[in-house]
Amino acid sequence: MSGRARRIGLFLLGAGAVAALATLVLRDQVSRHRRELFSSNPVRRLAALRHLAGETASVDAITVLRDFRALESRRLLRNRATAVLARMEEELRRMAGRA
């Protein structure tokens, strides 16, 4: 194996390791934000809503938002959840219409 091929192989191996690590970190962040949605701290709940607002619509996210909306006592947070939920439901409807 030439020196150049070896360097390319090592580079690809390193890039794959970095991509795997980034995937694990992102997955952990998503999980953490969903847990924070039901925190006793309203600021954390708002931050979790902001995070969910940036996610792609999914049945799982819609279910979590519906549960949150039903349990949330603060009107501001409930209204924000309703807006995010409406956007996600519309996005899923459009995606289903294309399929």
N, C-alpha and C. Protein backbone atom coordinates (compact mmCIF):
# COMPACT_ATOMS: atom_id res chain seq x y z
N MET A 1 0.84 -1.18 0.00
CA MET A 1 0.00 0.00 0.00
C MET A 1 0.89 1.24 0.00
N SER A 2 0.62 2.17 -0.89
CA SER A 2 1.44 3.37 -0.98
C SER A 2 1.15 4.30 0.20
N GLY A 3 2.05 5.23 0.41
CA GLY A 3 1.89 6.20 1.50
C GLY A 3 0.63 7.05 1.31
N ARG A 4 0.38 7.41 0.07
CA ARG A 4 -0.79 8.25 -0.21
C ARG A 4 -2.09 7.48 0.07
N ALA A 5 -2.17 6.23 -0.36
CA ALA A 5 -3.37 5.42 -0.12
C ALA A 5 -3.59 5.21 1.37
N ARG A 6 -2.48 5.05 2.09
CA ARG A 6 -2.59 4.85 3.54
C ARG A 6 -3.13 6.12 4.22
N ARG A 7 -2.63 7.28 3.80
CA ARG A 7 -3.12 8.55 4.38
C ARG A 7 -4.60 8.75 4.08
N ILE A 8 -5.00 8.42 2.86
CA ILE A 8 -6.41 8.55 2.49
C ILE A 8 -7.26 7.60 3.33
N GLY A 9 -6.79 6.39 3.52
CA GLY A 9 -7.51 5.42 4.34
C GLY A 9 -7.65 5.89 5.77
N LEU A 10 -6.57 6.42 6.33
CA LEU A 10 -6.62 6.94 7.70
C LEU A 10 -7.56 8.15 7.81
N PHE A 11 -7.51 9.00 6.79
CA PHE A 11 -8.41 10.15 6.78
C PHE A 11 -9.87 9.70 6.76
N LEU A 12 -10.20 8.74 5.90
CA LEU A 12 -11.57 8.25 5.81
C LEU A 12 -12.01 7.58 7.12
N LEU A 13 -11.12 6.84 7.73
CA LEU A 13 -11.42 6.22 9.02
C LEU A 13 -11.69 7.28 10.08
N GLY A 14 -10.86 8.31 10.12
CA GLY A 14 -11.07 9.41 11.07
C GLY A 14 -12.37 10.14 10.82
N ALA A 15 -12.67 10.40 9.54
CA ALA A 15 -13.92 11.10 9.19
C ALA A 15 -15.13 10.27 9.61
N GLY A 16 -15.04 8.96 9.42
CA GLY A 16 -16.14 8.08 9.84
C GLY A 16 -16.33 8.09 11.34
N ALA A 17 -15.22 8.10 12.08
CA ALA A 17 -15.30 8.14 13.55
C ALA A 17 -15.92 9.46 14.02
N VAL A 18 -15.53 10.56 13.40
CA VAL A 18 -16.09 11.87 13.76
C VAL A 18 -17.59 11.90 13.45
N ALA A 19 -17.98 11.37 12.30
CA ALA A 19 -19.41 11.34 11.94
C ALA A 19 -20.20 10.48 12.93
N ALA A 20 -19.66 9.36 13.34
CA ALA A 20 -20.36 8.50 14.31
C ALA A 20 -20.49 9.20 15.65
N LEU A 21 -19.45 9.87 16.09
CA LEU A 21 -19.50 10.61 17.35
C LEU A 21 -20.51 11.75 17.28
N ALA A 22 -20.52 12.48 16.17
CA ALA A 22 -21.49 13.58 16.00
C ALA A 22 -22.91 13.05 16.04
N THR A 23 -23.16 11.91 15.44
CA THR A 23 -24.50 11.31 15.46
C THR A 23 -24.92 10.97 16.88
N LEU A 24 -24.02 10.41 17.65
CA LEU A 24 -24.33 10.07 19.04
C LEU A 24 -24.63 11.32 19.87
N VAL A 25 -23.85 12.37 19.68
CA VAL A 25 -24.06 13.61 20.43
C VAL A 25 -25.40 14.23 20.05
N LEU A 26 -25.72 14.27 18.76
CA LEU A 26 -27.01 14.82 18.33
C LEU A 26 -28.18 14.03 18.89
N ARG A 27 -28.07 12.72 18.86
CA ARG A 27 -29.14 11.86 19.38
C ARG A 27 -29.34 12.12 20.88
N ASP A 28 -28.24 12.30 21.61
CA ASP A 28 -28.32 12.60 23.04
C ASP A 28 -28.98 13.95 23.27
N GLN A 29 -28.64 14.94 22.46
CA GLN A 29 -29.23 16.27 22.61
C GLN A 29 -30.74 16.24 22.38
N VAL A 30 -31.17 15.53 21.35
CA VAL A 30 -32.61 15.43 21.06
C VAL A 30 -33.32 14.76 22.23
N SER A 31 -32.76 13.70 22.73
CA SER A 31 -33.36 12.99 23.87
C SER A 31 -33.43 13.90 25.09
N ARG A 32 -32.36 14.63 25.34
CA ARG A 32 -32.33 15.53 26.50
C ARG A 32 -33.39 16.62 26.37
N HIS A 33 -33.52 17.20 25.19
CA HIS A 33 -34.51 18.27 24.99
C HIS A 33 -35.93 17.74 25.17
N ARG A 34 -36.19 16.53 24.73
CA ARG A 34 -37.53 15.98 24.92
C ARG A 34 -37.83 15.74 26.39
N ARG A 35 -36.84 15.31 27.15
CA ARG A 35 -37.03 15.14 28.60
C ARG A 35 -37.28 16.48 29.26
N GLU A 36 -36.57 17.52 28.83
CA GLU A 36 -36.71 18.85 29.41
C GLU A 36 -38.09 19.44 29.12
N LEU A 37 -38.77 18.94 28.14
CA LEU A 37 -40.11 19.43 27.82
C LEU A 37 -41.05 19.24 29.00
N PHE A 38 -40.78 18.27 29.85
CA PHE A 38 -41.63 18.01 31.01
C PHE A 38 -40.93 18.37 32.32
N SER A 39 -39.95 19.27 32.25
CA SER A 39 -39.23 19.75 33.42
C SER A 39 -40.15 20.60 34.29
N SER A 40 -39.82 20.72 35.56
CA SER A 40 -40.59 21.61 36.44
C SER A 40 -40.22 23.07 36.20
N ASN A 41 -39.12 23.32 35.51
CA ASN A 41 -38.65 24.67 35.22
C ASN A 41 -39.25 25.17 33.91
N PRO A 42 -40.05 26.24 33.94
CA PRO A 42 -40.69 26.73 32.71
C PRO A 42 -39.70 27.22 31.65
N VAL A 43 -38.54 27.73 32.07
CA VAL A 43 -37.54 28.19 31.10
C VAL A 43 -36.99 26.99 30.33
N ARG A 44 -36.77 25.89 31.00
CA ARG A 44 -36.31 24.68 30.32
C ARG A 44 -37.37 24.15 29.37
N ARG A 45 -38.64 24.25 29.79
CA ARG A 45 -39.72 23.79 28.91
C ARG A 45 -39.77 24.64 27.65
N LEU A 46 -39.58 25.96 27.82
CA LEU A 46 -39.57 26.86 26.66
C LEU A 46 -38.40 26.54 25.74
N ALA A 47 -37.23 26.30 26.31
CA ALA A 47 -36.06 25.95 25.50
C ALA A 47 -36.30 24.64 24.75
N ALA A 48 -36.94 23.68 25.40
CA ALA A 48 -37.25 22.41 24.74
C ALA A 48 -38.24 22.62 23.60
N LEU A 49 -39.21 23.50 23.80
CA LEU A 49 -40.16 23.81 22.73
C LEU A 49 -39.44 24.45 21.54
N ARG A 50 -38.51 25.36 21.83
CA ARG A 50 -37.75 25.99 20.75
C ARG A 50 -36.97 24.96 19.97
N HIS A 51 -36.40 24.01 20.69
CA HIS A 51 -35.64 22.95 20.01
C HIS A 51 -36.57 22.12 19.13
N LEU A 52 -37.72 21.72 19.67
CA LEU A 52 -38.67 20.92 18.90
C LEU A 52 -39.19 21.68 17.69
N ALA A 53 -39.32 23.00 17.82
CA ALA A 53 -39.81 23.81 16.70
C ALA A 53 -38.87 23.72 15.50
N GLY A 54 -37.60 23.47 15.74
CA GLY A 54 -36.64 23.38 14.66
C GLY A 54 -36.50 21.99 14.07
N GLU A 55 -37.14 21.01 14.69
CA GLU A 55 -37.05 19.63 14.20
C GLU A 55 -37.98 19.40 13.02
N THR A 56 -37.65 18.40 12.24
CA THR A 56 -38.53 17.96 11.17
C THR A 56 -39.74 17.27 11.80
N ALA A 57 -40.88 17.43 11.21
CA ALA A 57 -42.10 16.83 11.74
C ALA A 57 -42.00 15.31 11.74
N SER A 58 -42.49 14.72 12.82
CA SER A 58 -42.57 13.26 12.92
C SER A 58 -43.76 12.92 13.79
N VAL A 59 -44.25 11.71 13.64
CA VAL A 59 -45.38 11.26 14.45
C VAL A 59 -45.00 11.30 15.93
N ASP A 60 -43.77 10.91 16.24
CA ASP A 60 -43.30 10.90 17.62
C ASP A 60 -43.30 12.31 18.22
N ALA A 61 -42.78 13.28 17.47
CA ALA A 61 -42.73 14.66 17.96
C ALA A 61 -44.15 15.21 18.15
N ILE A 62 -45.05 14.89 17.25
CA ILE A 62 -46.43 15.35 17.36
C ILE A 62 -47.10 14.76 18.60
N THR A 63 -46.86 13.49 18.86
CA THR A 63 -47.43 12.84 20.04
C THR A 63 -46.92 13.49 21.32
N VAL A 64 -45.61 13.75 21.37
CA VAL A 64 -45.02 14.39 22.56
C VAL A 64 -45.61 15.78 22.75
N LEU A 65 -45.75 16.54 21.67
CA LEU A 65 -46.31 17.89 21.77
C LEU A 65 -47.77 17.88 22.21
N ARG A 66 -48.52 16.91 21.74
CA ARG A 66 -49.92 16.81 22.18
C ARG A 66 -50.01 16.52 23.67
N ASP A 67 -49.15 15.62 24.15
CA ASP A 67 -49.11 15.32 25.58
C ASP A 67 -48.71 16.55 26.37
N PHE A 68 -47.68 17.25 25.89
CA PHE A 68 -47.21 18.45 26.57
C PHE A 68 -48.32 19.49 26.65
N ARG A 69 -48.98 19.73 25.54
CA ARG A 69 -50.04 20.74 25.50
C ARG A 69 -51.17 20.41 26.47
N ALA A 70 -51.51 19.14 26.57
CA ALA A 70 -52.58 18.73 27.48
C ALA A 70 -52.19 18.92 28.95
N LEU A 71 -50.91 18.82 29.26
CA LEU A 71 -50.46 18.91 30.65
C LEU A 71 -49.97 20.30 31.06
N GLU A 72 -49.64 21.15 30.10
CA GLU A 72 -49.04 22.45 30.41
C GLU A 72 -50.05 23.41 31.01
N SER A 73 -49.66 24.03 32.14
CA SER A 73 -50.57 24.96 32.82
C SER A 73 -50.35 26.42 32.38
N ARG A 74 -49.18 26.74 31.88
CA ARG A 74 -48.90 28.12 31.46
C ARG A 74 -49.39 28.36 30.04
N ARG A 75 -50.21 29.39 29.91
CA ARG A 75 -50.83 29.69 28.62
C ARG A 75 -49.80 29.99 27.54
N LEU A 76 -48.76 30.75 27.86
CA LEU A 76 -47.73 31.09 26.88
C LEU A 76 -47.09 29.83 26.30
N LEU A 77 -46.72 28.89 27.16
CA LEU A 77 -46.09 27.66 26.69
C LEU A 77 -47.08 26.78 25.93
N ARG A 78 -48.31 26.75 26.41
CA ARG A 78 -49.35 25.96 25.72
C ARG A 78 -49.59 26.51 24.32
N ASN A 79 -49.65 27.84 24.19
CA ASN A 79 -49.87 28.47 22.88
C ASN A 79 -48.69 28.21 21.94
N ARG A 80 -47.48 28.27 22.48
CA ARG A 80 -46.30 27.99 21.65
C ARG A 80 -46.32 26.54 21.17
N ALA A 81 -46.67 25.63 22.07
CA ALA A 81 -46.76 24.21 21.70
C ALA A 81 -47.82 24.01 20.63
N THR A 82 -48.94 24.72 20.74
CA THR A 82 -50.01 24.62 19.75
C THR A 82 -49.53 25.08 18.37
N ALA A 83 -48.74 26.16 18.35
CA ALA A 83 -48.22 26.67 17.07
C ALA A 83 -47.23 25.68 16.45
N VAL A 84 -46.34 25.13 17.25
CA VAL A 84 -45.36 24.16 16.74
C VAL A 84 -46.10 22.91 16.26
N LEU A 85 -47.08 22.48 17.03
CA LEU A 85 -47.87 21.31 16.68
C LEU A 85 -48.60 21.51 15.35
N ALA A 86 -49.20 22.66 15.16
CA ALA A 86 -49.91 22.94 13.91
C ALA A 86 -48.96 22.90 12.72
N ARG A 87 -47.77 23.47 12.88
CA ARG A 87 -46.79 23.44 11.80
C ARG A 87 -46.37 22.02 11.46
N MET A 88 -46.13 21.22 12.48
CA MET A 88 -45.70 19.84 12.25
C MET A 88 -46.81 19.00 11.61
N GLU A 89 -48.03 19.19 12.07
CA GLU A 89 -49.15 18.44 11.48
C GLU A 89 -49.32 18.80 10.01
N GLU A 90 -49.18 20.08 9.69
CA GLU A 90 -49.30 20.52 8.29
C GLU A 90 -48.15 19.95 7.46
N GLU A 91 -46.97 19.94 8.02
CA GLU A 91 -45.81 19.39 7.31
C GLU A 91 -46.01 17.90 7.02
N LEU A 92 -46.53 17.16 7.99
CA LEU A 92 -46.79 15.73 7.76
C LEU A 92 -47.87 15.51 6.72
N ARG A 93 -48.90 16.38 6.74
CA ARG A 93 -49.96 16.26 5.72
C ARG A 93 -49.40 16.47 4.32
N ARG A 94 -48.54 17.47 4.18
CA ARG A 94 -47.92 17.72 2.87
C ARG A 94 -47.04 16.56 2.44
N MET A 95 -46.28 16.01 3.37
CA MET A 95 -45.41 14.89 3.06
C MET A 95 -46.23 13.67 2.67
N ALA A 96 -47.35 13.45 3.33
CA ALA A 96 -48.22 12.30 3.00
C ALA A 96 -48.87 12.50 1.63
N GLY A 97 -49.16 13.74 1.27
CA GLY A 97 -49.78 14.04 -0.02
C GLY A 97 -48.85 13.76 -1.19
N ARG A 98 -47.55 13.88 -0.95
CA ARG A 98 -46.56 13.62 -2.00
C ARG A 98 -46.31 12.13 -2.20
N ALA A 99 -46.53 11.36 -1.15
CA ALA A 99 -46.20 9.93 -1.22
C ALA A 99 -47.19 9.13 -2.02
